[in-house]
């Protein structure tokens, strides 16, 4: 009976992962590359994981800096098993792959790949030992990244509290993770355009606000980022002529903050309030997320406890519902 339950759980876990994916899953986090006595840290690497099924997947690692730069490469068919505690385990295994550099083919021989994908906090931890081309020394690459979820919907932008404009399709990227015992959120505000404004056609560049924490008074993850030293590119084109086209800082004496709210495990809204440089007016952009499907970053990360129950489609259910349910950010099997 236990074996049947374990198999059922593995199937449900795989189904949950597959439901999250629209192509490869993206993880971002800190890494280390060690070659002999040389060690290089990178605070932000991007790893891709694409499931082929319930037992194997493809892992794409980024370019790495060791004694020389190793180009990005994909490990195809990495095998894994699914455990009972929302943990996918990559048991120690070998691999081989090839890359082409300046027209020449280089072989990558992996003597070890191991790691875990922990669905409880949506972290992917990997350690990979390999040799590159004819280099005599093995390289050890280790990384721990957190799942990045993209959420797309229209936004409404109000300029100076008077003029309102819309963009019908904007995609934010959100990464929820643990910093010690504190739940945090990073938000990448995308580049988007606003057409036919009083200033012409505007293009606002992308930037990332890091370290949002849950604020009870605000009812969501919040950060005042006016002193974070962030910049973004702003372009205004009117009657075919660019009137503004450069990088701007955020005004440190004005309101510059972002608030992300969740309904259950779905992003319900992102409100970004900011003012650039010495411009006399503030801008407020409002993203309204869907609350009828799981668009959240992390189906298992710690969320504010509201006691509400959701199914895997993100829909509210009552106590009579049977199957996998999500309560306060955690999954349970209700019989």
C-alpha atoms as a PDB file:
ATOM      1  CA  UNK A   1       0.000   0.000   0.000  1.00  0.00           C
ATOM      2  CA  UNK A   2       2.837   2.388   0.882  1.00  0.00           C
ATOM      3  CA  UNK A   3       4.492   1.656  -2.462  1.00  0.00           C
ATOM      4  CA  UNK A   4       1.279   2.509  -4.316  1.00  0.00           C
ATOM      5  CA  UNK A   5       0.923   5.757  -2.341  1.00  0.00           C
ATOM      6  CA  UNK A   6       4.545   6.682  -3.074  1.00  0.00           C
ATOM      7  CA  UNK A   7       4.003   6.059  -6.789  1.00  0.00           C
ATOM      8  CA  UNK A   8       0.802   8.120  -6.732  1.00  0.00           C
ATOM      9  CA  UNK A   9       2.606  10.940  -4.954  1.00  0.00           C
ATOM     10  CA  UNK A  10       5.399  10.856  -7.529  1.00  0.00           C
ATOM     11  CA  UNK A  11       2.868  11.091 -10.360  1.00  0.00           C
ATOM     12  CA  UNK A  12       1.103  14.023  -8.686  1.00  0.00           C
ATOM     13  CA  UNK A  13       4.427  15.751  -8.039  1.00  0.00           C
ATOM     14  CA  UNK A  14       5.441  15.350 -11.675  1.00  0.00           C
ATOM     15  CA  UNK A  15       2.056  16.649 -12.791  1.00  0.00           C
ATOM     16  CA  UNK A  16       2.463  19.704 -10.561  1.00  0.00           C
ATOM     17  CA  UNK A  17       5.917  20.438 -11.964  1.00  0.00           C
ATOM     18  CA  UNK A  18       4.744  19.969 -15.531  1.00  0.00           C
ATOM     19  CA  UNK A  19       1.790  22.277 -14.874  1.00  0.00           C
ATOM     20  CA  UNK A  20       4.215  24.997 -13.762  1.00  0.00           C
ATOM     21  CA  UNK A  21       6.243  24.737 -16.916  1.00  0.00           C
ATOM     22  CA  UNK A  22       5.788  26.596 -20.151  1.00  0.00           C
ATOM     23  CA  UNK A  23       9.069  25.314 -21.546  1.00  0.00           C
ATOM     24  CA  UNK A  24      12.128  24.963 -19.297  1.00  0.00           C
ATOM     25  CA  UNK A  25      11.912  26.005 -15.673  1.00  0.00           C
ATOM     26  CA  UNK A  26      14.236  28.914 -14.870  1.00  0.00           C
ATOM     27  CA  UNK A  27      16.279  29.141 -11.666  1.00  0.00           C
ATOM     28  CA  UNK A  28      18.496  32.057 -10.621  1.00  0.00           C
ATOM     29  CA  UNK A  29      21.025  32.015  -7.807  1.00  0.00           C
ATOM     30  CA  UNK A  30      24.630  32.191  -6.635  1.00  0.00           C
ATOM     31  CA  UNK A  31      27.295  29.843  -7.973  1.00  0.00           C
ATOM     32  CA  UNK A  32      30.919  28.878  -7.462  1.00  0.00           C
ATOM     33  CA  UNK A  33      33.476  27.533  -9.928  1.00  0.00           C
ATOM     34  CA  UNK A  34      36.572  25.839  -8.512  1.00  0.00           C
ATOM     35  CA  UNK A  35      39.577  24.737 -10.573  1.00  0.00           C
ATOM     36  CA  UNK A  36      42.591  23.490  -8.608  1.00  0.00           C
ATOM     37  CA  UNK A  37      43.280  26.292  -6.089  1.00  0.00           C
ATOM     38  CA  UNK A  38      41.322  28.917  -8.031  1.00  0.00           C
ATOM     39  CA  UNK A  39      37.783  29.756  -6.912  1.00  0.00           C
ATOM     40  CA  UNK A  40      35.338  32.169  -8.571  1.00  0.00           C
ATOM     41  CA  UNK A  41      31.971  33.215  -7.156  1.00  0.00           C
ATOM     42  CA  UNK A  42      29.084  34.537  -9.218  1.00  0.00           C
ATOM     43  CA  UNK A  43      26.170  36.110  -7.302  1.00  0.00           C
ATOM     44  CA  UNK A  44      23.633  35.497 -10.073  1.00  0.00           C
ATOM     45  CA  UNK A  45      23.620  32.603 -12.540  1.00  0.00           C
ATOM     46  CA  UNK A  46      20.673  31.296 -14.545  1.00  0.00           C
ATOM     47  CA  UNK A  47      20.022  27.555 -14.853  1.00  0.00           C
ATOM     48  CA  UNK A  48      17.331  25.947 -17.011  1.00  0.00           C
ATOM     49  CA  UNK A  49      15.669  22.599 -16.232  1.00  0.00           C
ATOM     50  CA  UNK A  50      13.352  20.971 -18.786  1.00  0.00           C
ATOM     51  CA  UNK A  51      11.629  17.735 -17.788  1.00  0.00           C
ATOM     52  CA  UNK A  52      11.501  14.972 -20.398  1.00  0.00           C
ATOM     53  CA  UNK A  53       9.144  12.955 -18.219  1.00  0.00           C
ATOM     54  CA  UNK A  54       9.008  11.532 -14.703  1.00  0.00           C
ATOM     55  CA  UNK A  55      12.567  10.202 -14.650  1.00  0.00           C
ATOM     56  CA  UNK A  56      14.842  12.485 -16.671  1.00  0.00           C
ATOM     57  CA  UNK A  57      15.343  16.038 -17.888  1.00  0.00           C
ATOM     58  CA  UNK A  58      17.763  18.413 -19.566  1.00  0.00           C
ATOM     59  CA  UNK A  59      19.839  20.873 -17.530  1.00  0.00           C
ATOM     60  CA  UNK A  60      21.371  23.922 -19.200  1.00  0.00           C
ATOM     61  CA  UNK A  61      24.201  25.553 -17.286  1.00  0.00           C
ATOM     62  CA  UNK A  62      25.398  29.117 -17.971  1.00  0.00           C
ATOM     63  CA  UNK A  63      28.825  30.217 -19.151  1.00  0.00           C
ATOM     64  CA  UNK A  64      31.318  29.801 -16.308  1.00  0.00           C
ATOM     65  CA  UNK A  65      34.579  31.556 -15.449  1.00  0.00           C
ATOM     66  CA  UNK A  66      37.434  29.371 -14.270  1.00  0.00           C
ATOM     67  CA  UNK A  67      40.945  29.403 -15.684  1.00  0.00           C
ATOM     68  CA  UNK A  68      39.125  30.288 -18.900  1.00  0.00           C
ATOM     69  CA  UNK A  69      35.497  30.940 -19.767  1.00  0.00           C
ATOM     70  CA  UNK A  70      33.512  27.757 -20.350  1.00  0.00           C
ATOM     71  CA  UNK A  71      30.560  28.326 -22.696  1.00  0.00           C
ATOM     72  CA  UNK A  72      27.025  27.446 -21.713  1.00  0.00           C
ATOM     73  CA  UNK A  73      26.195  23.772 -22.255  1.00  0.00           C
ATOM     74  CA  UNK A  74      23.264  21.390 -21.855  1.00  0.00           C
ATOM     75  CA  UNK A  75      23.342  18.089 -20.010  1.00  0.00           C
ATOM     76  CA  UNK A  76      20.752  15.920 -21.735  1.00  0.00           C
ATOM     77  CA  UNK A  77      18.907  13.088 -20.026  1.00  0.00           C
ATOM     78  CA  UNK A  78      19.957  13.768 -16.425  1.00  0.00           C
ATOM     79  CA  UNK A  79      18.088  11.187 -14.364  1.00  0.00           C
ATOM     80  CA  UNK A  80      16.216  11.843 -11.136  1.00  0.00           C
ATOM     81  CA  UNK A  81      13.817  10.283  -8.652  1.00  0.00           C
ATOM     82  CA  UNK A  82      10.900  11.870  -6.818  1.00  0.00           C
ATOM     83  CA  UNK A  83      10.730  11.622  -3.034  1.00  0.00           C
ATOM     84  CA  UNK A  84       7.854  11.970  -0.607  1.00  0.00           C
ATOM     85  CA  UNK A  85       8.776  15.393   0.767  1.00  0.00           C
ATOM     86  CA  UNK A  86       8.498  17.396  -2.441  1.00  0.00           C
ATOM     87  CA  UNK A  87      12.157  16.665  -3.212  1.00  0.00           C
ATOM     88  CA  UNK A  88      13.433  15.612  -6.638  1.00  0.00           C
ATOM     89  CA  UNK A  89      16.869  13.984  -6.298  1.00  0.00           C
ATOM     90  CA  UNK A  90      19.557  13.764  -8.948  1.00  0.00           C
ATOM     91  CA  UNK A  91      21.651  10.836  -7.754  1.00  0.00           C
ATOM     92  CA  UNK A  92      25.360  11.022  -8.554  1.00  0.00           C
ATOM     93  CA  UNK A  93      25.793  10.281 -12.272  1.00  0.00           C
ATOM     94  CA  UNK A  94      28.173  10.820 -15.179  1.00  0.00           C
ATOM     95  CA  UNK A  95      27.456  12.648 -18.436  1.00  0.00           C
ATOM     96  CA  UNK A  96      29.041  13.858 -21.640  1.00  0.00           C
ATOM     97  CA  UNK A  97      28.220  16.621 -24.086  1.00  0.00           C
ATOM     98  CA  UNK A  98      29.860  18.870 -26.673  1.00  0.00           C
ATOM     99  CA  UNK A  99      30.071  22.572 -27.446  1.00  0.00           C
ATOM    100  CA  UNK A 100      31.406  24.438 -30.468  1.00  0.00           C
ATOM    101  CA  UNK A 101      33.847  27.304 -29.851  1.00  0.00           C
ATOM    102  CA  UNK A 102      35.177  29.347 -32.778  1.00  0.00           C
ATOM    103  CA  UNK A 103      34.233  26.550 -35.137  1.00  0.00           C
ATOM    104  CA  UNK A 104      36.024  23.879 -33.105  1.00  0.00           C
ATOM    105  CA  UNK A 105      34.177  21.156 -31.223  1.00  0.00           C
ATOM    106  CA  UNK A 106      35.024  20.758 -27.546  1.00  0.00           C
ATOM    107  CA  UNK A 107      34.077  17.701 -25.529  1.00  0.00           C
ATOM    108  CA  UNK A 108      32.790  18.027 -21.964  1.00  0.00           C
ATOM    109  CA  UNK A 109      33.183  14.895 -19.838  1.00  0.00           C
ATOM    110  CA  UNK A 110      31.255  14.936 -16.609  1.00  0.00           C
ATOM    111  CA  UNK A 111      32.511  12.654 -13.855  1.00  0.00           C
ATOM    112  CA  UNK A 112      29.804  13.677 -11.385  1.00  0.00           C
ATOM    113  CA  UNK A 113      26.401  15.374 -11.342  1.00  0.00           C
ATOM    114  CA  UNK A 114      24.276  15.430  -8.211  1.00  0.00           C
ATOM    115  CA  UNK A 115      21.707  17.664  -6.596  1.00  0.00           C
ATOM    116  CA  UNK A 116      18.104  18.281  -5.612  1.00  0.00           C
ATOM    117  CA  UNK A 117      15.052  20.254  -6.654  1.00  0.00           C
ATOM    118  CA  UNK A 118      13.234  21.051  -3.401  1.00  0.00           C
ATOM    119  CA  UNK A 119       9.616  21.966  -4.091  1.00  0.00           C
ATOM    120  CA  UNK A 120       9.179  23.138  -0.495  1.00  0.00           C
ATOM    121  CA  UNK A 121      11.159  26.285  -1.253  1.00  0.00           C
ATOM    122  CA  UNK A 122      11.500  25.882  -5.049  1.00  0.00           C
ATOM    123  CA  UNK A 123      15.281  25.729  -4.919  1.00  0.00           C
ATOM    124  CA  UNK A 124      17.513  23.825  -7.323  1.00  0.00           C
ATOM    125  CA  UNK A 125      20.922  22.790  -5.962  1.00  0.00           C
ATOM    126  CA  UNK A 126      23.488  21.199  -8.253  1.00  0.00           C
ATOM    127  CA  UNK A 127      27.134  20.169  -8.080  1.00  0.00           C
ATOM    128  CA  UNK A 128      28.801  19.257 -11.367  1.00  0.00           C
ATOM    129  CA  UNK A 129      32.369  17.994 -11.815  1.00  0.00           C
ATOM    130  CA  UNK A 130      33.676  17.875 -15.375  1.00  0.00           C
ATOM    131  CA  UNK A 131      36.648  18.246 -17.702  1.00  0.00           C
ATOM    132  CA  UNK A 132      36.570  20.656 -20.613  1.00  0.00           C
ATOM    133  CA  UNK A 133      38.314  19.826 -23.871  1.00  0.00           C
ATOM    134  CA  UNK A 134      42.001  19.070 -23.365  1.00  0.00           C
ATOM    135  CA  UNK A 135      42.296  20.882 -20.058  1.00  0.00           C
ATOM    136  CA  UNK A 136      44.016  18.505 -17.607  1.00  0.00           C
ATOM    137  CA  UNK A 137      42.288  19.593 -14.412  1.00  0.00           C
ATOM    138  CA  UNK A 138      38.663  18.886 -13.455  1.00  0.00           C
ATOM    139  CA  UNK A 139      36.314  21.759 -12.697  1.00  0.00           C
ATOM    140  CA  UNK A 140      33.707  21.813  -9.970  1.00  0.00           C
ATOM    141  CA  UNK A 141      30.653  23.994 -10.503  1.00  0.00           C
ATOM    142  CA  UNK A 142      28.098  24.348  -7.719  1.00  0.00           C
ATOM    143  CA  UNK A 143      24.953  26.460  -7.742  1.00  0.00           C
ATOM    144  CA  UNK A 144      21.795  27.029  -5.739  1.00  0.00           C
ATOM    145  CA  UNK A 145      19.054  28.841  -7.602  1.00  0.00           C
ATOM    146  CA  UNK A 146      15.415  29.644  -6.916  1.00  0.00           C
ATOM    147  CA  UNK A 147      12.571  29.203  -9.363  1.00  0.00           C
ATOM    148  CA  UNK A 148      11.696  32.303 -11.369  1.00  0.00           C
ATOM    149  CA  UNK A 149       8.086  32.561 -12.488  1.00  0.00           C
ATOM    150  CA  UNK A 150       6.917  34.863 -15.246  1.00  0.00           C
ATOM    151  CA  UNK A 151       3.454  36.411 -14.902  1.00  0.00           C
ATOM    152  CA  UNK A 152       1.844  38.206 -17.836  1.00  0.00           C
ATOM    153  CA  UNK A 153      -1.171  40.505 -17.972  1.00  0.00           C
ATOM    154  CA  UNK A 154      -2.090  44.060 -18.969  1.00  0.00           C
ATOM    155  CA  UNK A 155      -0.906  47.021 -16.910  1.00  0.00           C
ATOM    156  CA  UNK A 156      -2.416  50.442 -16.297  1.00  0.00           C
ATOM    157  CA  UNK A 157      -0.007  53.364 -15.944  1.00  0.00           C
ATOM    158  CA  UNK A 158      -1.007  56.701 -14.425  1.00  0.00           C
ATOM    159  CA  UNK A 159       1.290  59.679 -15.012  1.00  0.00           C
ATOM    160  CA  UNK A 160       1.107  62.658 -12.678  1.00  0.00           C
ATOM    161  CA  UNK A 161      -2.130  61.391 -11.184  1.00  0.00           C
ATOM    162  CA  UNK A 162      -4.040  62.670 -14.243  1.00  0.00           C
ATOM    163  CA  UNK A 163      -3.174  60.775 -17.422  1.00  0.00           C
ATOM    164  CA  UNK A 164      -3.794  57.032 -17.701  1.00  0.00           C
ATOM    165  CA  UNK A 165      -2.358  54.703 -20.340  1.00  0.00           C
ATOM    166  CA  UNK A 166      -2.370  50.954 -20.919  1.00  0.00           C
ATOM    167  CA  UNK A 167      -0.153  48.192 -22.194  1.00  0.00           C
ATOM    168  CA  UNK A 168      -2.027  44.965 -22.972  1.00  0.00           C
ATOM    169  CA  UNK A 169       0.746  42.454 -22.377  1.00  0.00           C
ATOM    170  CA  UNK A 170       3.524  42.930 -19.838  1.00  0.00           C
ATOM    171  CA  UNK A 171       5.513  40.111 -18.212  1.00  0.00           C
ATOM    172  CA  UNK A 172       7.074  40.414 -14.764  1.00  0.00           C
ATOM    173  CA  UNK A 173       9.541  37.843 -13.410  1.00  0.00           C
ATOM    174  CA  UNK A 174       9.379  37.026  -9.704  1.00  0.00           C
ATOM    175  CA  UNK A 175      11.705  34.946  -7.538  1.00  0.00           C
ATOM    176  CA  UNK A 176      10.743  33.963  -3.993  1.00  0.00           C
ATOM    177  CA  UNK A 177      13.467  32.557  -1.768  1.00  0.00           C
ATOM    178  CA  UNK A 178      14.752  32.157   1.761  1.00  0.00           C
ATOM    179  CA  UNK A 179      17.402  34.497   3.172  1.00  0.00           C
ATOM    180  CA  UNK A 180      18.140  32.781   6.455  1.00  0.00           C
ATOM    181  CA  UNK A 181      14.706  32.545   8.072  1.00  0.00           C
ATOM    182  CA  UNK A 182      13.257  35.467   6.096  1.00  0.00           C
ATOM    183  CA  UNK A 183      11.078  35.004   3.022  1.00  0.00           C
ATOM    184  CA  UNK A 184      12.103  37.436   0.299  1.00  0.00           C
ATOM    185  CA  UNK A 185      11.030  38.314  -3.201  1.00  0.00           C
ATOM    186  CA  UNK A 186      12.934  39.744  -6.184  1.00  0.00           C
ATOM    187  CA  UNK A 187      10.920  41.409  -8.944  1.00  0.00           C
ATOM    188  CA  UNK A 188      12.166  42.138 -12.445  1.00  0.00           C
ATOM    189  CA  UNK A 189      10.160  45.031 -13.851  1.00  0.00           C
ATOM    190  CA  UNK A 190      10.115  44.490 -17.633  1.00  0.00           C
ATOM    191  CA  UNK A 191      10.697  46.963 -20.406  1.00  0.00           C
ATOM    192  CA  UNK A 192       7.368  48.159 -21.821  1.00  0.00           C
ATOM    193  CA  UNK A 193       5.974  50.851 -24.098  1.00  0.00           C
ATOM    194  CA  UNK A 194       3.198  53.397 -23.740  1.00  0.00           C
ATOM    195  CA  UNK A 195       1.915  54.838 -26.987  1.00  0.00           C
ATOM    196  CA  UNK A 196       0.374  58.237 -27.726  1.00  0.00           C
ATOM    197  CA  UNK A 197       1.038  59.816 -24.348  1.00  0.00           C
ATOM    198  CA  UNK A 198       1.296  63.572 -23.835  1.00  0.00           C
ATOM    199  CA  UNK A 199       5.071  63.108 -24.152  1.00  0.00           C
ATOM    200  CA  UNK A 200       4.815  60.911 -27.243  1.00  0.00           C
ATOM    201  CA  UNK A 201       5.602  57.213 -27.431  1.00  0.00           C
ATOM    202  CA  UNK A 202       7.452  56.113 -24.299  1.00  0.00           C
ATOM    203  CA  UNK A 203       9.683  53.119 -23.660  1.00  0.00           C
ATOM    204  CA  UNK A 204      10.578  52.326 -20.046  1.00  0.00           C
ATOM    205  CA  UNK A 205      13.542  50.007 -19.528  1.00  0.00           C
ATOM    206  CA  UNK A 206      13.838  46.951 -17.313  1.00  0.00           C
ATOM    207  CA  UNK A 207      15.319  46.800 -13.808  1.00  0.00           C
ATOM    208  CA  UNK A 208      15.212  44.423 -10.846  1.00  0.00           C
ATOM    209  CA  UNK A 209      14.118  45.317  -7.327  1.00  0.00           C
ATOM    210  CA  UNK A 210      15.612  42.855  -4.840  1.00  0.00           C
ATOM    211  CA  UNK A 211      14.752  41.922  -1.289  1.00  0.00           C
ATOM    212  CA  UNK A 212      11.031  42.607  -0.935  1.00  0.00           C
ATOM    213  CA  UNK A 213       9.773  41.289   2.412  1.00  0.00           C
ATOM    214  CA  UNK A 214       6.244  40.685   3.620  1.00  0.00           C
ATOM    215  CA  UNK A 215       4.733  43.800   5.216  1.00  0.00           C
ATOM    216  CA  UNK A 216       1.629  43.216   7.327  1.00  0.00           C
ATOM    217  CA  UNK A 217       0.489  46.830   7.007  1.00  0.00           C
ATOM    218  CA  UNK A 218       0.820  46.753   3.216  1.00  0.00           C
ATOM    219  CA  UNK A 219      -0.702  43.284   2.880  1.00  0.00           C
ATOM    220  CA  UNK A 220       2.030  42.009   0.562  1.00  0.00           C
ATOM    221  CA  UNK A 221       5.724  41.895  -0.278  1.00  0.00           C
ATOM    222  CA  UNK A 222       7.040  45.457  -0.208  1.00  0.00           C
ATOM    223  CA  UNK A 223      10.219  47.450  -0.713  1.00  0.00           C
ATOM    224  CA  UNK A 224      11.085  51.129  -0.791  1.00  0.00           C
ATOM    225  CA  UNK A 225      13.885  51.145  -3.376  1.00  0.00           C
ATOM    226  CA  UNK A 226      14.658  54.832  -3.799  1.00  0.00           C
ATOM    227  CA  UNK A 227      18.073  54.416  -2.153  1.00  0.00           C
ATOM    228  CA  UNK A 228      19.019  51.162  -3.915  1.00  0.00           C
ATOM    229  CA  UNK A 229      21.007  52.914  -6.643  1.00  0.00           C
ATOM    230  CA  UNK A 230      18.868  51.493  -9.436  1.00  0.00           C
ATOM    231  CA  UNK A 231      18.697  52.978 -12.928  1.00  0.00           C
ATOM    232  CA  UNK A 232      16.529  52.381 -15.964  1.00  0.00           C
ATOM    233  CA  UNK A 233      16.532  53.567 -19.557  1.00  0.00           C
ATOM    234  CA  UNK A 234      13.775  55.949 -20.618  1.00  0.00           C
ATOM    235  CA  UNK A 235      12.993  56.958 -24.205  1.00  0.00           C
ATOM    236  CA  UNK A 236      10.390  59.436 -25.435  1.00  0.00           C
ATOM    237  CA  UNK A 237       9.711  59.851 -29.160  1.00  0.00           C
ATOM    238  CA  UNK A 238       7.360  62.582 -30.366  1.00  0.00           C
ATOM    239  CA  UNK A 239       6.578  63.233 -34.025  1.00  0.00           C
ATOM    240  CA  UNK A 240       9.411  60.937 -35.003  1.00  0.00           C
ATOM    241  CA  UNK A 241      12.016  62.747 -32.880  1.00  0.00           C
ATOM    242  CA  UNK A 242      13.595  61.348 -29.717  1.00  0.00           C
ATOM    243  CA  UNK A 243      13.192  63.985 -27.025  1.00  0.00           C
ATOM    244  CA  UNK A 244      14.566  61.804 -24.198  1.00  0.00           C
ATOM    245  CA  UNK A 245      16.885  58.830 -24.529  1.00  0.00           C
ATOM    246  CA  UNK A 246      19.171  57.980 -21.600  1.00  0.00           C
ATOM    247  CA  UNK A 247      19.491  56.218 -18.258  1.00  0.00           C
ATOM    248  CA  UNK A 248      17.738  57.779 -15.280  1.00  0.00           C
ATOM    249  CA  UNK A 249      18.050  57.258 -11.551  1.00  0.00           C
ATOM    250  CA  UNK A 250      15.079  57.255  -9.215  1.00  0.00           C
ATOM    251  CA  UNK A 251      14.500  60.450  -7.232  1.00  0.00           C
ATOM    252  CA  UNK A 252      15.693  59.752  -3.689  1.00  0.00           C
ATOM    253  CA  UNK A 253      13.363  62.372  -2.195  1.00  0.00           C
ATOM    254  CA  UNK A 254      10.240  60.980  -3.867  1.00  0.00           C
ATOM    255  CA  UNK A 255       8.135  57.836  -3.527  1.00  0.00           C
ATOM    256  CA  UNK A 256       9.790  54.850  -5.201  1.00  0.00           C
ATOM    257  CA  UNK A 257       8.381  51.555  -3.970  1.00  0.00           C
ATOM    258  CA  UNK A 258       6.880  48.317  -5.193  1.00  0.00           C
ATOM    259  CA  UNK A 259       4.190  46.127  -3.621  1.00  0.00           C
ATOM    260  CA  UNK A 260       3.356  42.562  -4.688  1.00  0.00           C
ATOM    261  CA  UNK A 261       0.199  40.935  -3.378  1.00  0.00           C
ATOM    262  CA  UNK A 262      -0.903  37.314  -3.557  1.00  0.00           C
ATOM    263  CA  UNK A 263      -4.323  35.712  -3.501  1.00  0.00           C
ATOM    264  CA  UNK A 264      -3.537  32.255  -2.187  1.00  0.00           C
ATOM    265  CA  UNK A 265      -0.526  31.320  -4.297  1.00  0.00           C
ATOM    266  CA  UNK A 266      -1.354  33.485  -7.302  1.00  0.00           C
ATOM    267  CA  UNK A 267      -0.034  36.976  -7.894  1.00  0.00           C
ATOM    268  CA  UNK A 268      -3.067  39.235  -7.593  1.00  0.00           C
ATOM    269  CA  UNK A 269      -1.387  42.607  -8.138  1.00  0.00           C
ATOM    270  CA  UNK A 270       1.918  44.426  -8.563  1.00  0.00           C
ATOM    271  CA  UNK A 271       1.859  48.157  -7.853  1.00  0.00           C
ATOM    272  CA  UNK A 272       5.009  50.096  -8.741  1.00  0.00           C
ATOM    273  CA  UNK A 273       5.183  53.767  -7.688  1.00  0.00           C
ATOM    274  CA  UNK A 274       8.185  55.752  -8.906  1.00  0.00           C
ATOM    275  CA  UNK A 275       9.577  59.098 -10.008  1.00  0.00           C
ATOM    276  CA  UNK A 276      12.615  59.461 -12.219  1.00  0.00           C
ATOM    277  CA  UNK A 277      15.392  62.009 -11.952  1.00  0.00           C
ATOM    278  CA  UNK A 278      14.234  65.614 -11.693  1.00  0.00           C
ATOM    279  CA  UNK A 279      10.989  65.053 -13.580  1.00  0.00           C
ATOM    280  CA  UNK A 280       8.114  66.845 -11.831  1.00  0.00           C
ATOM    281  CA  UNK A 281       5.546  64.058 -11.878  1.00  0.00           C
ATOM    282  CA  UNK A 282       5.260  60.580 -10.406  1.00  0.00           C
ATOM    283  CA  UNK A 283       4.250  57.394 -12.229  1.00  0.00           C
ATOM    284  CA  UNK A 284       2.156  54.526 -10.883  1.00  0.00           C
ATOM    285  CA  UNK A 285       1.924  51.246 -12.811  1.00  0.00           C
ATOM    286  CA  UNK A 286      -0.643  48.639 -11.738  1.00  0.00           C
ATOM    287  CA  UNK A 287      -0.460  45.000 -12.834  1.00  0.00           C
ATOM    288  CA  UNK A 288      -3.540  42.904 -12.028  1.00  0.00           C
ATOM    289  CA  UNK A 289      -2.781  39.197 -12.053  1.00  0.00           C
ATOM    290  CA  UNK A 290      -5.202  36.337 -12.626  1.00  0.00           C
ATOM    291  CA  UNK A 291      -6.492  34.680  -9.458  1.00  0.00           C
ATOM    292  CA  UNK A 292      -8.142  31.713 -11.190  1.00  0.00           C
ATOM    293  CA  UNK A 293      -4.945  29.797 -11.926  1.00  0.00           C
ATOM    294  CA  UNK A 294      -1.596  29.263 -10.281  1.00  0.00           C
ATOM    295  CA  UNK A 295       0.477  32.142 -11.639  1.00  0.00           C
ATOM    296  CA  UNK A 296       2.485  32.464  -8.431  1.00  0.00           C
ATOM    297  CA  UNK A 297       6.214  32.050  -8.321  1.00  0.00           C
ATOM    298  CA  UNK A 298       6.295  29.279  -5.795  1.00  0.00           C
ATOM    299  CA  UNK A 299       3.566  26.761  -5.182  1.00  0.00           C
ATOM    300  CA  UNK A 300       5.128  25.810  -1.857  1.00  0.00           C
ATOM    301  CA  UNK A 301       6.941  28.873  -0.514  1.00  0.00           C
ATOM    302  CA  UNK A 302       5.808  30.307   2.769  1.00  0.00           C
ATOM    303  CA  UNK A 303       2.841  32.606   2.183  1.00  0.00           C
ATOM    304  CA  UNK A 304       0.883  34.724   4.621  1.00  0.00           C
ATOM    305  CA  UNK A 305      -1.361  32.335   6.559  1.00  0.00           C
ATOM    306  CA  UNK A 306      -5.006  32.932   5.731  1.00  0.00           C
ATOM    307  CA  UNK A 307      -6.311  29.363   6.196  1.00  0.00           C
ATOM    308  CA  UNK A 308      -7.930  29.315   2.769  1.00  0.00           C
ATOM    309  CA  UNK A 309      -7.864  26.083   0.761  1.00  0.00           C
ATOM    310  CA  UNK A 310      -7.040  25.864  -2.956  1.00  0.00           C
ATOM    311  CA  UNK A 311      -6.772  23.043  -5.471  1.00  0.00           C
ATOM    312  CA  UNK A 312      -3.835  22.670  -7.883  1.00  0.00           C
ATOM    313  CA  UNK A 313      -5.656  24.919 -10.368  1.00  0.00           C
ATOM    314  CA  UNK A 314      -5.549  27.749  -7.822  1.00  0.00           C
ATOM    315  CA  UNK A 315      -9.318  27.673  -7.225  1.00  0.00           C
ATOM    316  CA  UNK A 316     -10.855  28.075  -3.755  1.00  0.00           C
ATOM    317  CA  UNK A 317     -12.354  24.791  -2.480  1.00  0.00           C
ATOM    318  CA  UNK A 318     -14.275  23.863   0.643  1.00  0.00           C
ATOM    319  CA  UNK A 319     -13.681  21.140   3.224  1.00  0.00           C
ATOM    320  CA  UNK A 320     -15.497  18.505   1.150  1.00  0.00           C
ATOM    321  CA  UNK A 321     -12.868  18.637  -1.615  1.00  0.00           C
ATOM    322  CA  UNK A 322     -10.744  15.468  -2.011  1.00  0.00           C
ATOM    323  CA  UNK A 323      -7.260  15.298  -3.509  1.00  0.00           C
ATOM    324  CA  UNK A 324      -4.178  17.527  -3.393  1.00  0.00           C
ATOM    325  CA  UNK A 325      -4.961  20.853  -1.710  1.00  0.00           C
ATOM    326  CA  UNK A 326      -2.860  23.920  -0.854  1.00  0.00           C
ATOM    327  CA  UNK A 327      -3.319  25.549   2.545  1.00  0.00           C
ATOM    328  CA  UNK A 328      -1.107  28.460   3.637  1.00  0.00           C
ATOM    329  CA  UNK A 329       1.364  27.673   0.863  1.00  0.00           C
ATOM    330  CA  UNK A 330       1.740  23.949   1.669  1.00  0.00           C
ATOM    331  CA  UNK A 331       0.372  20.898  -0.185  1.00  0.00           C
ATOM    332  CA  UNK A 332      -1.692  18.199   1.543  1.00  0.00           C
ATOM    333  CA  UNK A 333      -3.386  15.027   0.309  1.00  0.00           C
ATOM    334  CA  UNK A 334      -6.987  15.107   1.523  1.00  0.00           C
ATOM    335  CA  UNK A 335      -8.742  11.696   1.369  1.00  0.00           C
END
